[in-house]
Amino acid sequence: MRVIYAFLAVRMLRLARFDLARSDMLYRDGDAAFARSRDRVRRAEALAARAELPSLVSMR
């Protein structure tokens, strides 16, 4: 019976480590997506200013 519990424990630890690594990857990807979005908004604001349009924030 202990062998079965040991096998299950090892399997659960491996799954937990996999979930943790996946979570870290998604966190990093999310941060990168937010950075890209902020950069796009900054570029859009710059283009709007060059076109003498009102700020995108005031258009909401």
N, C-alpha and C. Protein backbone atom coordinates (compact mmCIF):
# COMPACT_ATOMS: atom_id res chain seq x y z
N MET A 1 0.82 -1.18 0.00
CA MET A 1 0.00 0.00 0.00
C MET A 1 0.87 1.26 0.00
N ARG A 2 2.00 1.20 0.73
CA ARG A 2 2.89 2.37 0.76
C ARG A 2 3.47 2.65 -0.61
N VAL A 3 3.68 1.63 -1.39
CA VAL A 3 4.22 1.82 -2.75
C VAL A 3 3.23 2.61 -3.59
N ILE A 4 1.97 2.28 -3.46
CA ILE A 4 0.93 3.01 -4.20
C ILE A 4 0.90 4.46 -3.76
N TYR A 5 0.92 4.71 -2.45
CA TYR A 5 0.92 6.08 -1.94
C TYR A 5 2.16 6.85 -2.40
N ALA A 6 3.29 6.17 -2.40
CA ALA A 6 4.53 6.81 -2.85
C ALA A 6 4.43 7.17 -4.33
N PHE A 7 3.91 6.27 -5.13
CA PHE A 7 3.73 6.55 -6.55
C PHE A 7 2.79 7.73 -6.76
N LEU A 8 1.68 7.74 -6.04
CA LEU A 8 0.72 8.85 -6.16
C LEU A 8 1.33 10.17 -5.71
N ALA A 9 2.11 10.13 -4.65
CA ALA A 9 2.74 11.35 -4.14
C ALA A 9 3.73 11.91 -5.16
N VAL A 10 4.54 11.03 -5.74
CA VAL A 10 5.51 11.48 -6.75
C VAL A 10 4.78 12.06 -7.95
N ARG A 11 3.73 11.40 -8.36
CA ARG A 11 2.95 11.88 -9.51
C ARG A 11 2.32 13.24 -9.21
N MET A 12 1.78 13.41 -8.03
CA MET A 12 1.17 14.68 -7.66
C MET A 12 2.21 15.79 -7.58
N LEU A 13 3.40 15.47 -7.09
CA LEU A 13 4.47 16.47 -7.05
C LEU A 13 4.88 16.89 -8.45
N ARG A 14 4.98 15.94 -9.36
CA ARG A 14 5.33 16.28 -10.74
C ARG A 14 4.25 17.15 -11.37
N LEU A 15 3.00 16.82 -11.14
CA LEU A 15 1.90 17.63 -11.68
C LEU A 15 1.90 19.04 -11.09
N ALA A 16 2.18 19.12 -9.80
CA ALA A 16 2.22 20.43 -9.14
C ALA A 16 3.35 21.28 -9.71
N ARG A 17 4.50 20.68 -9.94
CA ARG A 17 5.62 21.43 -10.53
C ARG A 17 5.29 21.88 -11.95
N PHE A 18 4.62 21.01 -12.70
CA PHE A 18 4.21 21.37 -14.06
C PHE A 18 3.22 22.54 -14.02
N ASP A 19 2.24 22.48 -13.11
CA ASP A 19 1.28 23.57 -12.99
C ASP A 19 1.95 24.88 -12.59
N LEU A 20 2.92 24.80 -11.71
CA LEU A 20 3.64 26.00 -11.28
C LEU A 20 4.43 26.60 -12.45
N ALA A 21 5.09 25.76 -13.22
CA ALA A 21 5.84 26.25 -14.38
C ALA A 21 4.90 26.86 -15.41
N ARG A 22 3.76 26.23 -15.62
CA ARG A 22 2.77 26.76 -16.57
C ARG A 22 2.23 28.10 -16.09
N SER A 23 1.97 28.20 -14.80
CA SER A 23 1.49 29.45 -14.23
C SER A 23 2.52 30.57 -14.41
N ASP A 24 3.78 30.27 -14.17
CA ASP A 24 4.84 31.26 -14.37
C ASP A 24 4.91 31.70 -15.83
N MET A 25 4.79 30.76 -16.74
CA MET A 25 4.84 31.09 -18.16
C MET A 25 3.68 32.01 -18.54
N LEU A 26 2.47 31.68 -18.07
CA LEU A 26 1.31 32.52 -18.38
C LEU A 26 1.46 33.91 -17.77
N TYR A 27 2.04 33.99 -16.59
CA TYR A 27 2.26 35.27 -15.93
C TYR A 27 3.20 36.14 -16.76
N ARG A 28 4.29 35.53 -17.22
CA ARG A 28 5.26 36.28 -18.05
C ARG A 28 4.61 36.70 -19.36
N ASP A 29 3.85 35.80 -19.99
CA ASP A 29 3.18 36.13 -21.25
C ASP A 29 2.16 37.24 -21.04
N GLY A 30 1.48 37.23 -19.91
CA GLY A 30 0.51 38.29 -19.60
C GLY A 30 1.19 39.62 -19.44
N ASP A 31 2.32 39.64 -18.75
CA ASP A 31 3.07 40.88 -18.59
C ASP A 31 3.53 41.42 -19.94
N ALA A 32 3.98 40.53 -20.80
CA ALA A 32 4.42 40.96 -22.13
C ALA A 32 3.25 41.52 -22.94
N ALA A 33 2.08 40.90 -22.81
CA ALA A 33 0.91 41.40 -23.53
C ALA A 33 0.51 42.79 -23.03
N PHE A 34 0.56 43.01 -21.72
CA PHE A 34 0.26 44.34 -21.19
C PHE A 34 1.26 45.37 -21.68
N ALA A 35 2.52 45.00 -21.74
CA ALA A 35 3.55 45.93 -22.24
C ALA A 35 3.29 46.27 -23.70
N ARG A 36 2.93 45.26 -24.51
CA ARG A 36 2.62 45.54 -25.92
C ARG A 36 1.41 46.45 -26.03
N SER A 37 0.39 46.23 -25.21
CA SER A 37 -0.80 47.08 -25.25
C SER A 37 -0.47 48.51 -24.88
N ARG A 38 0.33 48.69 -23.83
CA ARG A 38 0.71 50.04 -23.44
C ARG A 38 1.50 50.72 -24.55
N ASP A 39 2.37 49.97 -25.22
CA ASP A 39 3.14 50.53 -26.32
C ASP A 39 2.23 50.92 -27.48
N ARG A 40 1.24 50.10 -27.78
CA ARG A 40 0.30 50.43 -28.85
C ARG A 40 -0.50 51.69 -28.53
N VAL A 41 -0.92 51.82 -27.29
CA VAL A 41 -1.67 53.02 -26.88
C VAL A 41 -0.76 54.24 -26.99
N ARG A 42 0.49 54.11 -26.58
CA ARG A 42 1.43 55.23 -26.67
C ARG A 42 1.62 55.64 -28.13
N ARG A 43 1.78 54.66 -29.02
CA ARG A 43 1.93 54.98 -30.45
C ARG A 43 0.66 55.60 -31.02
N ALA A 44 -0.50 55.09 -30.62
CA ALA A 44 -1.77 55.65 -31.10
C ALA A 44 -1.93 57.09 -30.64
N GLU A 45 -1.55 57.36 -29.40
CA GLU A 45 -1.61 58.74 -28.89
C GLU A 45 -0.68 59.64 -29.69
N ALA A 46 0.50 59.15 -30.01
CA ALA A 46 1.45 59.96 -30.79
C ALA A 46 0.90 60.23 -32.19
N LEU A 47 0.30 59.22 -32.82
CA LEU A 47 -0.28 59.42 -34.14
C LEU A 47 -1.47 60.38 -34.08
N ALA A 48 -2.27 60.27 -33.05
CA ALA A 48 -3.41 61.17 -32.90
C ALA A 48 -2.93 62.61 -32.71
N ALA A 49 -1.86 62.79 -31.98
CA ALA A 49 -1.31 64.13 -31.78
C ALA A 49 -0.78 64.69 -33.10
N ARG A 50 -0.14 63.86 -33.89
CA ARG A 50 0.37 64.32 -35.19
C ARG A 50 -0.76 64.68 -36.14
N ALA A 51 -1.88 63.96 -36.02
CA ALA A 51 -3.04 64.24 -36.88
C ALA A 51 -3.92 65.34 -36.29
N GLU A 52 -3.49 65.91 -35.16
CA GLU A 52 -4.21 66.96 -34.44
C GLU A 52 -5.63 66.51 -34.05
N LEU A 53 -5.71 65.26 -33.64
CA LEU A 53 -6.96 64.71 -33.11
C LEU A 53 -6.94 64.85 -31.60
N PRO A 54 -8.14 64.82 -30.98
CA PRO A 54 -8.14 64.84 -29.52
C PRO A 54 -7.53 63.55 -28.96
N SER A 55 -7.14 63.62 -27.72
CA SER A 55 -6.55 62.47 -27.07
C SER A 55 -7.52 61.30 -27.09
N LEU A 56 -6.97 60.10 -27.21
CA LEU A 56 -7.81 58.90 -27.22
C LEU A 56 -8.51 58.72 -25.87
N VAL A 57 -7.91 59.21 -24.80
CA VAL A 57 -8.52 59.09 -23.48
C VAL A 57 -9.79 59.93 -23.42
N SER A 58 -9.78 61.09 -24.07
CA SER A 58 -10.96 61.96 -24.02
C SER A 58 -12.07 61.47 -24.95
N MET A 59 -11.77 60.52 -25.82
CA MET A 59 -12.77 59.99 -26.76
C MET A 59 -13.61 58.89 -26.14
N ARG A 60 -13.33 58.50 -24.92
CA ARG A 60 -14.09 57.42 -24.28
C ARG A 60 -15.45 57.87 -23.88
